[in-house]
């Protein structure tokens, strides 16, 4: 069992780097999460293009069309991309 130190949540933004309309759904969730886990660090991280990247990766992996159309699989892959990007940004950010 792993100890959770931080929760990373995708932050939907427009191409102009402004919060997208989806934030109206995410903000209540964030409020509840922070209420339930007041001592947990919660970080928002830019999720722009992660769904597109996930679909491209599924194509490159040769996944069947029926699998690529499963939203939960695409969301899972996008979440993996968000977390990977976040961890890389922390790693490279510590070099400077």
PDB file of N, CA and C in Angstrom:
ATOM      1  N   UNK A   1       0.845  -1.184   0.000  1.00  0.00           N
ATOM      2  CA  UNK A   1       0.000   0.000   0.000  1.00  0.00           C
ATOM      3  C   UNK A   1       0.886   1.241   0.000  1.00  0.00           C
ATOM      4  N   UNK A   2       0.531   2.199  -0.843  1.00  0.00           N
ATOM      5  CA  UNK A   2       1.306   3.430  -0.971  1.00  0.00           C
ATOM      6  C   UNK A   2       0.691   4.546  -0.136  1.00  0.00           C
ATOM      7  N   UNK A   3       1.541   5.422   0.352  1.00  0.00           N
ATOM      8  CA  UNK A   3       1.061   6.620   1.038  1.00  0.00           C
ATOM      9  C   UNK A   3       0.842   7.713   0.003  1.00  0.00           C
ATOM     10  N   UNK A   4      -0.310   8.329   0.034  1.00  0.00           N
ATOM     11  CA  UNK A   4      -0.624   9.411  -0.899  1.00  0.00           C
ATOM     12  C   UNK A   4      -0.151  10.718  -0.285  1.00  0.00           C
ATOM     13  N   UNK A   5       0.699  11.432  -1.013  1.00  0.00           N
ATOM     14  CA  UNK A   5       1.233  12.702  -0.536  1.00  0.00           C
ATOM     15  C   UNK A   5       0.526  13.892  -1.167  1.00  0.00           C
ATOM     16  N   UNK A   6      -0.051  13.663  -2.337  1.00  0.00           N
ATOM     17  CA  UNK A   6      -0.614  14.773  -3.100  1.00  0.00           C
ATOM     18  C   UNK A   6      -1.610  14.224  -4.110  1.00  0.00           C
ATOM     19  N   UNK A   7      -2.635  15.014  -4.397  1.00  0.00           N
ATOM     20  CA  UNK A   7      -3.608  14.667  -5.429  1.00  0.00           C
ATOM     21  C   UNK A   7      -3.452  15.683  -6.550  1.00  0.00           C
ATOM     22  N   UNK A   8      -3.294  15.190  -7.774  1.00  0.00           N
ATOM     23  CA  UNK A   8      -3.156  16.054  -8.944  1.00  0.00           C
ATOM     24  C   UNK A   8      -4.433  15.944  -9.757  1.00  0.00           C
ATOM     25  N   UNK A   9      -5.024  17.095 -10.047  1.00  0.00           N
ATOM     26  CA  UNK A   9      -6.276  17.151 -10.796  1.00  0.00           C
ATOM     27  C   UNK A   9      -6.046  17.970 -12.057  1.00  0.00           C
ATOM     28  N   UNK A  10      -6.552  17.470 -13.181  1.00  0.00           N
ATOM     29  CA  UNK A  10      -6.432  18.196 -14.433  1.00  0.00           C
ATOM     30  C   UNK A  10      -7.196  19.507 -14.379  1.00  0.00           C
ATOM     31  N   UNK A  11      -6.542  20.556 -14.848  1.00  0.00           N
ATOM     32  CA  UNK A  11      -7.157  21.884 -14.871  1.00  0.00           C
ATOM     33  C   UNK A  11      -7.483  22.243 -16.318  1.00  0.00           C
ATOM     34  N   UNK A  12      -8.768  22.225 -16.669  1.00  0.00           N
ATOM     35  CA  UNK A  12      -9.143  22.562 -18.043  1.00  0.00           C
ATOM     36  C   UNK A  12      -8.977  24.058 -18.302  1.00  0.00           C
ATOM     37  N   UNK A  13      -8.268  24.366 -19.380  1.00  0.00           N
ATOM     38  CA  UNK A  13      -8.032  25.759 -19.756  1.00  0.00           C
ATOM     39  C   UNK A  13      -8.331  25.939 -21.237  1.00  0.00           C
ATOM     40  N   UNK A  14      -8.592  27.175 -21.613  1.00  0.00           N
ATOM     41  CA  UNK A  14      -8.760  27.504 -23.023  1.00  0.00           C
ATOM     42  C   UNK A  14      -7.380  27.711 -23.636  1.00  0.00           C
ATOM     43  N   UNK A  15      -7.353  27.879 -24.936  1.00  0.00           N
ATOM     44  CA  UNK A  15      -6.080  28.146 -25.604  1.00  0.00           C
ATOM     45  C   UNK A  15      -5.494  29.487 -25.181  1.00  0.00           C
ATOM     46  N   UNK A  16      -6.317  30.341 -24.603  1.00  0.00           N
ATOM     47  CA  UNK A  16      -5.847  31.642 -24.096  1.00  0.00           C
ATOM     48  C   UNK A  16      -5.379  31.548 -22.643  1.00  0.00           C
ATOM     49  N   UNK A  17      -5.223  30.335 -22.161  1.00  0.00           N
ATOM     50  CA  UNK A  17      -4.754  30.073 -20.798  1.00  0.00           C
ATOM     51  C   UNK A  17      -5.724  30.580 -19.724  1.00  0.00           C
ATOM     52  N   UNK A  18      -7.000  30.602 -20.060  1.00  0.00           N
ATOM     53  CA  UNK A  18      -8.039  30.997 -19.113  1.00  0.00           C
ATOM     54  C   UNK A  18      -8.813  29.747 -18.696  1.00  0.00           C
ATOM     55  N   UNK A  19      -9.419  29.760 -17.503  1.00  0.00           N
ATOM     56  CA  UNK A  19     -10.219  28.595 -17.090  1.00  0.00           C
ATOM     57  C   UNK A  19     -11.341  28.319 -18.096  1.00  0.00           C
ATOM     58  N   UNK A  20     -11.552  27.051 -18.412  1.00  0.00           N
ATOM     59  CA  UNK A  20     -12.616  26.697 -19.351  1.00  0.00           C
ATOM     60  C   UNK A  20     -13.947  26.596 -18.618  1.00  0.00           C
ATOM     61  N   UNK A  21     -15.004  26.422 -19.391  1.00  0.00           N
ATOM     62  CA  UNK A  21     -16.352  26.280 -18.829  1.00  0.00           C
ATOM     63  C   UNK A  21     -16.457  25.079 -17.889  1.00  0.00           C
ATOM     64  N   UNK A  22     -15.638  24.076 -18.105  1.00  0.00           N
ATOM     65  CA  UNK A  22     -15.685  22.863 -17.278  1.00  0.00           C
ATOM     66  C   UNK A  22     -15.356  23.127 -15.817  1.00  0.00           C
ATOM     67  N   UNK A  23     -14.702  24.230 -15.531  1.00  0.00           N
ATOM     68  CA  UNK A  23     -14.330  24.535 -14.142  1.00  0.00           C
ATOM     69  C   UNK A  23     -15.560  24.672 -13.249  1.00  0.00           C
ATOM     70  N   UNK A  24     -16.714  25.019 -13.832  1.00  0.00           N
ATOM     71  CA  UNK A  24     -17.915  25.149 -13.002  1.00  0.00           C
ATOM     72  C   UNK A  24     -18.343  23.797 -12.428  1.00  0.00           C
ATOM     73  N   UNK A  25     -17.901  22.713 -13.048  1.00  0.00           N
ATOM     74  CA  UNK A  25     -18.177  21.379 -12.525  1.00  0.00           C
ATOM     75  C   UNK A  25     -17.064  20.908 -11.578  1.00  0.00           C
ATOM     76  N   UNK A  26     -15.865  21.370 -11.835  1.00  0.00           N
ATOM     77  CA  UNK A  26     -14.712  20.922 -11.057  1.00  0.00           C
ATOM     78  C   UNK A  26     -14.617  21.644  -9.717  1.00  0.00           C
ATOM     79  N   UNK A  27     -14.948  22.926  -9.687  1.00  0.00           N
ATOM     80  CA  UNK A  27     -14.828  23.688  -8.437  1.00  0.00           C
ATOM     81  C   UNK A  27     -15.625  23.090  -7.278  1.00  0.00           C
ATOM     82  N   UNK A  28     -16.880  22.667  -7.478  1.00  0.00           N
ATOM     83  CA  UNK A  28     -17.590  22.027  -6.359  1.00  0.00           C
ATOM     84  C   UNK A  28     -16.904  20.738  -5.886  1.00  0.00           C
ATOM     85  N   UNK A  29     -16.381  19.971  -6.835  1.00  0.00           N
ATOM     86  CA  UNK A  29     -15.646  18.756  -6.483  1.00  0.00           C
ATOM     87  C   UNK A  29     -14.409  19.099  -5.656  1.00  0.00           C
ATOM     88  N   UNK A  30     -13.676  20.137  -6.084  1.00  0.00           N
ATOM     89  CA  UNK A  30     -12.483  20.552  -5.338  1.00  0.00           C
ATOM     90  C   UNK A  30     -12.835  20.981  -3.921  1.00  0.00           C
ATOM     91  N   UNK A  31     -13.913  21.729  -3.800  1.00  0.00           N
ATOM     92  CA  UNK A  31     -14.349  22.164  -2.477  1.00  0.00           C
ATOM     93  C   UNK A  31     -14.651  20.987  -1.573  1.00  0.00           C
ATOM     94  N   UNK A  32     -15.358  20.002  -2.098  1.00  0.00           N
ATOM     95  CA  UNK A  32     -15.695  18.815  -1.315  1.00  0.00           C
ATOM     96  C   UNK A  32     -14.445  18.006  -0.972  1.00  0.00           C
ATOM     97  N   UNK A  33     -13.543  17.881  -1.935  1.00  0.00           N
ATOM     98  CA  UNK A  33     -12.302  17.138  -1.710  1.00  0.00           C
ATOM     99  C   UNK A  33     -11.478  17.787  -0.603  1.00  0.00           C
ATOM    100  N   UNK A  34     -11.351  19.094  -0.664  1.00  0.00           N
ATOM    101  CA  UNK A  34     -10.579  19.812   0.361  1.00  0.00           C
ATOM    102  C   UNK A  34     -11.258  19.746   1.726  1.00  0.00           C
ATOM    103  N   UNK A  35     -12.569  19.676   1.726  1.00  0.00           N
ATOM    104  CA  UNK A  35     -13.308  19.539   2.985  1.00  0.00           C
ATOM    105  C   UNK A  35     -13.084  18.150   3.590  1.00  0.00           C
ATOM    106  N   UNK A  36     -13.134  17.123   2.732  1.00  0.00           N
ATOM    107  CA  UNK A  36     -12.970  15.741   3.194  1.00  0.00           C
ATOM    108  C   UNK A  36     -11.527  15.415   3.576  1.00  0.00           C
ATOM    109  N   UNK A  37     -10.575  16.042   2.876  1.00  0.00           N
ATOM    110  CA  UNK A  37      -9.151  15.767   3.105  1.00  0.00           C
ATOM    111  C   UNK A  37      -8.404  17.085   3.342  1.00  0.00           C
ATOM    112  N   UNK A  38      -8.655  17.754   4.453  1.00  0.00           N
ATOM    113  CA  UNK A  38      -8.095  19.096   4.665  1.00  0.00           C
ATOM    114  C   UNK A  38      -6.568  19.142   4.725  1.00  0.00           C
ATOM    115  N   UNK A  39      -5.919  18.049   5.076  1.00  0.00           N
ATOM    116  CA  UNK A  39      -4.458  18.040   5.188  1.00  0.00           C
ATOM    117  C   UNK A  39      -3.757  17.568   3.913  1.00  0.00           C
ATOM    118  N   UNK A  40      -4.537  17.191   2.905  1.00  0.00           N
ATOM    119  CA  UNK A  40      -3.967  16.671   1.665  1.00  0.00           C
ATOM    120  C   UNK A  40      -3.631  17.823   0.716  1.00  0.00           C
ATOM    121  N   UNK A  41      -2.439  17.765   0.140  1.00  0.00           N
ATOM    122  CA  UNK A  41      -2.060  18.747  -0.875  1.00  0.00           C
ATOM    123  C   UNK A  41      -2.812  18.401  -2.164  1.00  0.00           C
ATOM    124  N   UNK A  42      -3.527  19.380  -2.718  1.00  0.00           N
ATOM    125  CA  UNK A  42      -4.267  19.198  -3.968  1.00  0.00           C
ATOM    126  C   UNK A  42      -3.705  20.192  -4.975  1.00  0.00           C
ATOM    127  N   UNK A  43      -3.261  19.686  -6.111  1.00  0.00           N
ATOM    128  CA  UNK A  43      -2.633  20.514  -7.134  1.00  0.00           C
ATOM    129  C   UNK A  43      -3.419  20.423  -8.427  1.00  0.00           C
ATOM    130  N   UNK A  44      -3.681  21.576  -9.024  1.00  0.00           N
ATOM    131  CA  UNK A  44      -4.301  21.629 -10.353  1.00  0.00           C
ATOM    132  C   UNK A  44      -3.172  21.718 -11.378  1.00  0.00           C
ATOM    133  N   UNK A  45      -3.301  20.943 -12.472  1.00  0.00           N
ATOM    134  CA  UNK A  45      -2.267  20.952 -13.508  1.00  0.00           C
ATOM    135  C   UNK A  45      -2.933  20.988 -14.876  1.00  0.00           C
ATOM    136  N   UNK A  46      -2.411  21.825 -15.734  1.00  0.00           N
ATOM    137  CA  UNK A  46      -2.953  22.059 -17.075  1.00  0.00           C
ATOM    138  C   UNK A  46      -3.194  20.741 -17.813  1.00  0.00           C
ATOM    139  N   UNK A  47      -4.433  20.557 -18.286  1.00  0.00           N
ATOM    140  CA  UNK A  47      -4.775  19.321 -18.996  1.00  0.00           C
ATOM    141  C   UNK A  47      -5.031  19.542 -20.483  1.00  0.00           C
ATOM    142  N   UNK A  48      -4.679  20.728 -20.975  1.00  0.00           N
ATOM    143  CA  UNK A  48      -4.931  20.988 -22.398  1.00  0.00           C
ATOM    144  C   UNK A  48      -4.265  19.935 -23.275  1.00  0.00           C
ATOM    145  N   UNK A  49      -5.005  19.486 -24.262  1.00  0.00           N
ATOM    146  CA  UNK A  49      -4.568  18.549 -25.304  1.00  0.00           C
ATOM    147  C   UNK A  49      -4.345  17.120 -24.822  1.00  0.00           C
ATOM    148  N   UNK A  50      -4.569  16.828 -23.547  1.00  0.00           N
ATOM    149  CA  UNK A  50      -4.292  15.465 -23.078  1.00  0.00           C
ATOM    150  C   UNK A  50      -5.233  14.434 -23.693  1.00  0.00           C
ATOM    151  N   UNK A  51      -6.480  14.803 -23.947  1.00  0.00           N
ATOM    152  CA  UNK A  51      -7.400  13.852 -24.591  1.00  0.00           C
ATOM    153  C   UNK A  51      -6.957  13.566 -26.018  1.00  0.00           C
ATOM    154  N   UNK A  52      -6.519  14.602 -26.733  1.00  0.00           N
ATOM    155  CA  UNK A  52      -6.031  14.415 -28.104  1.00  0.00           C
ATOM    156  C   UNK A  52      -4.781  13.545 -28.119  1.00  0.00           C
ATOM    157  N   UNK A  53      -3.891  13.801 -27.182  1.00  0.00           N
ATOM    158  CA  UNK A  53      -2.671  12.998 -27.090  1.00  0.00           C
ATOM    159  C   UNK A  53      -3.021  11.548 -26.764  1.00  0.00           C
ATOM    160  N   UNK A  54      -3.973  11.342 -25.868  1.00  0.00           N
ATOM    161  CA  UNK A  54      -4.385   9.984 -25.504  1.00  0.00           C
ATOM    162  C   UNK A  54      -4.928   9.239 -26.723  1.00  0.00           C
ATOM    163  N   UNK A  55      -5.771   9.902 -27.516  1.00  0.00           N
ATOM    164  CA  UNK A  55      -6.318   9.255 -28.717  1.00  0.00           C
ATOM    165  C   UNK A  55      -5.209   8.935 -29.715  1.00  0.00           C
ATOM    166  N   UNK A  56      -4.261   9.843 -29.863  1.00  0.00           N
ATOM    167  CA  UNK A  56      -3.142   9.602 -30.773  1.00  0.00           C
ATOM    168  C   UNK A  56      -2.314   8.406 -30.295  1.00  0.00           C
ATOM    169  N   UNK A  57      -2.100   8.308 -28.992  1.00  0.00           N
ATOM    170  CA  UNK A  57      -1.345   7.179 -28.438  1.00  0.00           C
ATOM    171  C   UNK A  57      -2.093   5.858 -28.640  1.00  0.00           C
ATOM    172  N   UNK A  58      -3.421   5.897 -28.521  1.00  0.00           N
ATOM    173  CA  UNK A  58      -4.207   4.681 -28.745  1.00  0.00           C
ATOM    174  C   UNK A  58      -4.092   4.228 -30.194  1.00  0.00           C
ATOM    175  N   UNK A  59      -4.103   5.188 -31.119  1.00  0.00           N
ATOM    176  CA  UNK A  59      -3.915   4.850 -32.534  1.00  0.00           C
ATOM    177  C   UNK A  59      -2.536   4.246 -32.757  1.00  0.00           C
ATOM    178  N   UNK A  60      -1.523   4.890 -32.191  1.00  0.00           N
ATOM    179  CA  UNK A  60      -0.146   4.424 -32.365  1.00  0.00           C
ATOM    180  C   UNK A  60       0.047   3.031 -31.780  1.00  0.00           C
ATOM    181  N   UNK A  61      -0.704   2.717 -30.738  1.00  0.00           N
ATOM    182  CA  UNK A  61      -0.602   1.396 -30.106  1.00  0.00           C
ATOM    183  C   UNK A  61      -1.384   0.332 -30.871  1.00  0.00           C
ATOM    184  N   UNK A  62      -2.108   0.751 -31.917  1.00  0.00           N
ATOM    185  CA  UNK A  62      -2.857  -0.207 -32.721  1.00  0.00           C
ATOM    186  C   UNK A  62      -4.141  -0.692 -32.079  1.00  0.00           C
ATOM    187  N   UNK A  63      -4.695   0.109 -31.191  1.00  0.00           N
ATOM    188  CA  UNK A  63      -5.935  -0.296 -30.516  1.00  0.00           C
ATOM    189  C   UNK A  63      -7.098  -0.307 -31.496  1.00  0.00           C
ATOM    190  N   UNK A  64      -8.006  -1.245 -31.283  1.00  0.00           N
ATOM    191  CA  UNK A  64      -9.194  -1.339 -32.126  1.00  0.00           C
ATOM    192  C   UNK A  64     -10.053  -0.089 -31.958  1.00  0.00           C
ATOM    193  N   UNK A  65     -10.805   0.231 -32.999  1.00  0.00           N
ATOM    194  CA  UNK A  65     -11.671   1.408 -32.965  1.00  0.00           C
ATOM    195  C   UNK A  65     -12.657   1.341 -31.801  1.00  0.00           C
ATOM    196  N   UNK A  66     -13.201   0.164 -31.548  1.00  0.00           N
ATOM    197  CA  UNK A  66     -14.177   0.027 -30.457  1.00  0.00           C
ATOM    198  C   UNK A  66     -13.535   0.355 -29.107  1.00  0.00           C
ATOM    199  N   UNK A  67     -12.273  -0.010 -28.927  1.00  0.00           N
ATOM    200  CA  UNK A  67     -11.572   0.325 -27.684  1.00  0.00           C
ATOM    201  C   UNK A  67     -11.269   1.822 -27.611  1.00  0.00           C
ATOM    202  N   UNK A  68     -10.876   2.405 -28.744  1.00  0.00           N
ATOM    203  CA  UNK A  68     -10.558   3.842 -28.769  1.00  0.00           C
ATOM    204  C   UNK A  68     -11.782   4.688 -28.473  1.00  0.00           C
ATOM    205  N   UNK A  69     -12.966   4.176 -28.752  1.00  0.00           N
ATOM    206  CA  UNK A  69     -14.195   4.935 -28.533  1.00  0.00           C
ATOM    207  C   UNK A  69     -14.700   4.838 -27.096  1.00  0.00           C
ATOM    208  N   UNK A  70     -14.079   4.025 -26.285  1.00  0.00           N
ATOM    209  CA  UNK A  70     -14.479   3.905 -24.874  1.00  0.00           C
ATOM    210  C   UNK A  70     -13.958   5.118 -24.105  1.00  0.00           C
ATOM    211  N   UNK A  71     -14.873   5.985 -23.699  1.00  0.00           N
ATOM    212  CA  UNK A  71     -14.494   7.229 -23.043  1.00  0.00           C
ATOM    213  C   UNK A  71     -13.682   6.990 -21.785  1.00  0.00           C
ATOM    214  N   UNK A  72     -14.052   5.969 -21.012  1.00  0.00           N
ATOM    215  CA  UNK A  72     -13.328   5.737 -19.754  1.00  0.00           C
ATOM    216  C   UNK A  72     -11.870   5.363 -20.000  1.00  0.00           C
ATOM    217  N   UNK A  73     -11.592   4.668 -21.106  1.00  0.00           N
ATOM    218  CA  UNK A  73     -10.215   4.313 -21.432  1.00  0.00           C
ATOM    219  C   UNK A  73      -9.433   5.552 -21.859  1.00  0.00           C
ATOM    220  N   UNK A  74     -10.056   6.388 -22.691  1.00  0.00           N
ATOM    221  CA  UNK A  74      -9.404   7.632 -23.108  1.00  0.00           C
ATOM    222  C   UNK A  74      -9.153   8.537 -21.901  1.00  0.00           C
ATOM    223  N   UNK A  75     -10.121   8.613 -20.988  1.00  0.00           N
ATOM    224  CA  UNK A  75      -9.957   9.429 -19.779  1.00  0.00           C
ATOM    225  C   UNK A  75      -8.829   8.896 -18.902  1.00  0.00           C
ATOM    226  N   UNK A  76      -8.740   7.582 -18.797  1.00  0.00           N
ATOM    227  CA  UNK A  76      -7.673   6.969 -17.994  1.00  0.00           C
ATOM    228  C   UNK A  76      -6.302   7.297 -18.581  1.00  0.00           C
ATOM    229  N   UNK A  77      -6.204   7.209 -19.896  1.00  0.00           N
ATOM    230  CA  UNK A  77      -4.932   7.532 -20.546  1.00  0.00           C
ATOM    231  C   UNK A  77      -4.607   9.012 -20.393  1.00  0.00           C
ATOM    232  N   UNK A  78      -5.603   9.880 -20.534  1.00  0.00           N
ATOM    233  CA  UNK A  78      -5.380  11.318 -20.366  1.00  0.00           C
ATOM    234  C   UNK A  78      -4.922  11.621 -18.941  1.00  0.00           C
ATOM    235  N   UNK A  79      -5.514  10.956 -17.962  1.00  0.00           N
ATOM    236  CA  UNK A  79      -5.109  11.156 -16.564  1.00  0.00           C
ATOM    237  C   UNK A  79      -3.658  10.722 -16.358  1.00  0.00           C
ATOM    238  N   UNK A  80      -3.269   9.651 -17.007  1.00  0.00           N
ATOM    239  CA  UNK A  80      -1.882   9.190 -16.919  1.00  0.00           C
ATOM    240  C   UNK A  80      -0.939  10.224 -17.514  1.00  0.00           C
ATOM    241  N   UNK A  81      -1.344  10.823 -18.622  1.00  0.00           N
ATOM    242  CA  UNK A  81      -0.533  11.859 -19.266  1.00  0.00           C
ATOM    243  C   UNK A  81      -0.413  13.078 -18.355  1.00  0.00           C
ATOM    244  N   UNK A  82      -1.514  13.489 -17.739  1.00  0.00           N
ATOM    245  CA  UNK A  82      -1.488  14.639 -16.825  1.00  0.00           C
ATOM    246  C   UNK A  82      -0.516  14.374 -15.678  1.00  0.00           C
ATOM    247  N   UNK A  83      -0.620  13.209 -15.069  1.00  0.00           N
ATOM    248  CA  UNK A  83       0.249  12.893 -13.934  1.00  0.00           C
ATOM    249  C   UNK A  83       1.714  12.809 -14.362  1.00  0.00           C
ATOM    250  N   UNK A  84       1.974  12.180 -15.497  1.00  0.00           N
ATOM    251  CA  UNK A  84       3.345  12.085 -16.002  1.00  0.00           C
ATOM    252  C   UNK A  84       3.921  13.468 -16.275  1.00  0.00           C
ATOM    253  N   UNK A  85       3.144  14.318 -16.944  1.00  0.00           N
ATOM    254  CA  UNK A  85       3.599  15.681 -17.232  1.00  0.00           C
ATOM    255  C   UNK A  85       3.864  16.456 -15.950  1.00  0.00           C
ATOM    256  N   UNK A  86       2.983  16.288 -14.973  1.00  0.00           N
ATOM    257  CA  UNK A  86       3.163  16.981 -13.698  1.00  0.00           C
ATOM    258  C   UNK A  86       4.454  16.529 -13.011  1.00  0.00           C
ATOM    259  N   UNK A  87       4.666  15.230 -12.945  1.00  0.00           N
ATOM    260  CA  UNK A  87       5.874  14.716 -12.296  1.00  0.00           C
ATOM    261  C   UNK A  87       7.132  15.167 -13.029  1.00  0.00           C
ATOM    262  N   UNK A  88       7.083  15.200 -14.359  1.00  0.00           N
ATOM    263  CA  UNK A  88       8.228  15.686 -15.129  1.00  0.00           C
ATOM    264  C   UNK A  88       8.471  17.167 -14.875  1.00  0.00           C
ATOM    265  N   UNK A  89       7.403  17.944 -14.759  1.00  0.00           N
ATOM    266  CA  UNK A  89       7.572  19.381 -14.502  1.00  0.00           C
ATOM    267  C   UNK A  89       8.212  19.606 -13.137  1.00  0.00           C
ATOM    268  N   UNK A  90       7.880  18.779 -12.174  1.00  0.00           N
ATOM    269  CA  UNK A  90       8.499  18.885 -10.841  1.00  0.00           C
ATOM    270  C   UNK A  90       9.967  18.496 -10.902  1.00  0.00           C
ATOM    271  N   UNK A  91      10.254  17.441 -11.641  1.00  0.00           N
ATOM    272  CA  UNK A  91      11.631  16.971 -11.744  1.00  0.00           C
ATOM    273  C   UNK A  91      12.507  18.016 -12.428  1.00  0.00           C
ATOM    274  N   UNK A  92      12.049  18.532 -13.560  1.00  0.00           N
ATOM    275  CA  UNK A  92      12.852  19.498 -14.297  1.00  0.00           C
ATOM    276  C   UNK A  92      12.840  20.865 -13.632  1.00  0.00           C
ATOM    277  N   UNK A  93      11.752  21.183 -12.943  1.00  0.00           N
ATOM    278  CA  UNK A  93      11.678  22.453 -12.226  1.00  0.00           C
ATOM    279  C   UNK A  93      12.683  22.529 -11.098  1.00  0.00           C
ATOM    280  N   UNK A  94      13.036  21.370 -10.534  1.00  0.00           N
ATOM    281  CA  UNK A  94      13.986  21.362  -9.419  1.00  0.00           C
ATOM    282  C   UNK A  94      15.428  21.539  -9.888  1.00  0.00           C
ATOM    283  N   UNK A  95      15.659  21.481 -11.190  1.00  0.00           N
ATOM    284  CA  UNK A  95      17.010  21.654 -11.713  1.00  0.00           C
ATOM    285  C   UNK A  95      17.409  23.117 -11.817  1.00  0.00           C
ATOM    286  N   UNK A  96      16.447  24.011 -11.751  1.00  0.00           N
ATOM    287  CA  UNK A  96      16.742  25.432 -11.966  1.00  0.00           C
ATOM    288  C   UNK A  96      16.623  26.235 -10.707  1.00  0.00           C
TER     289      UNK A  96
END
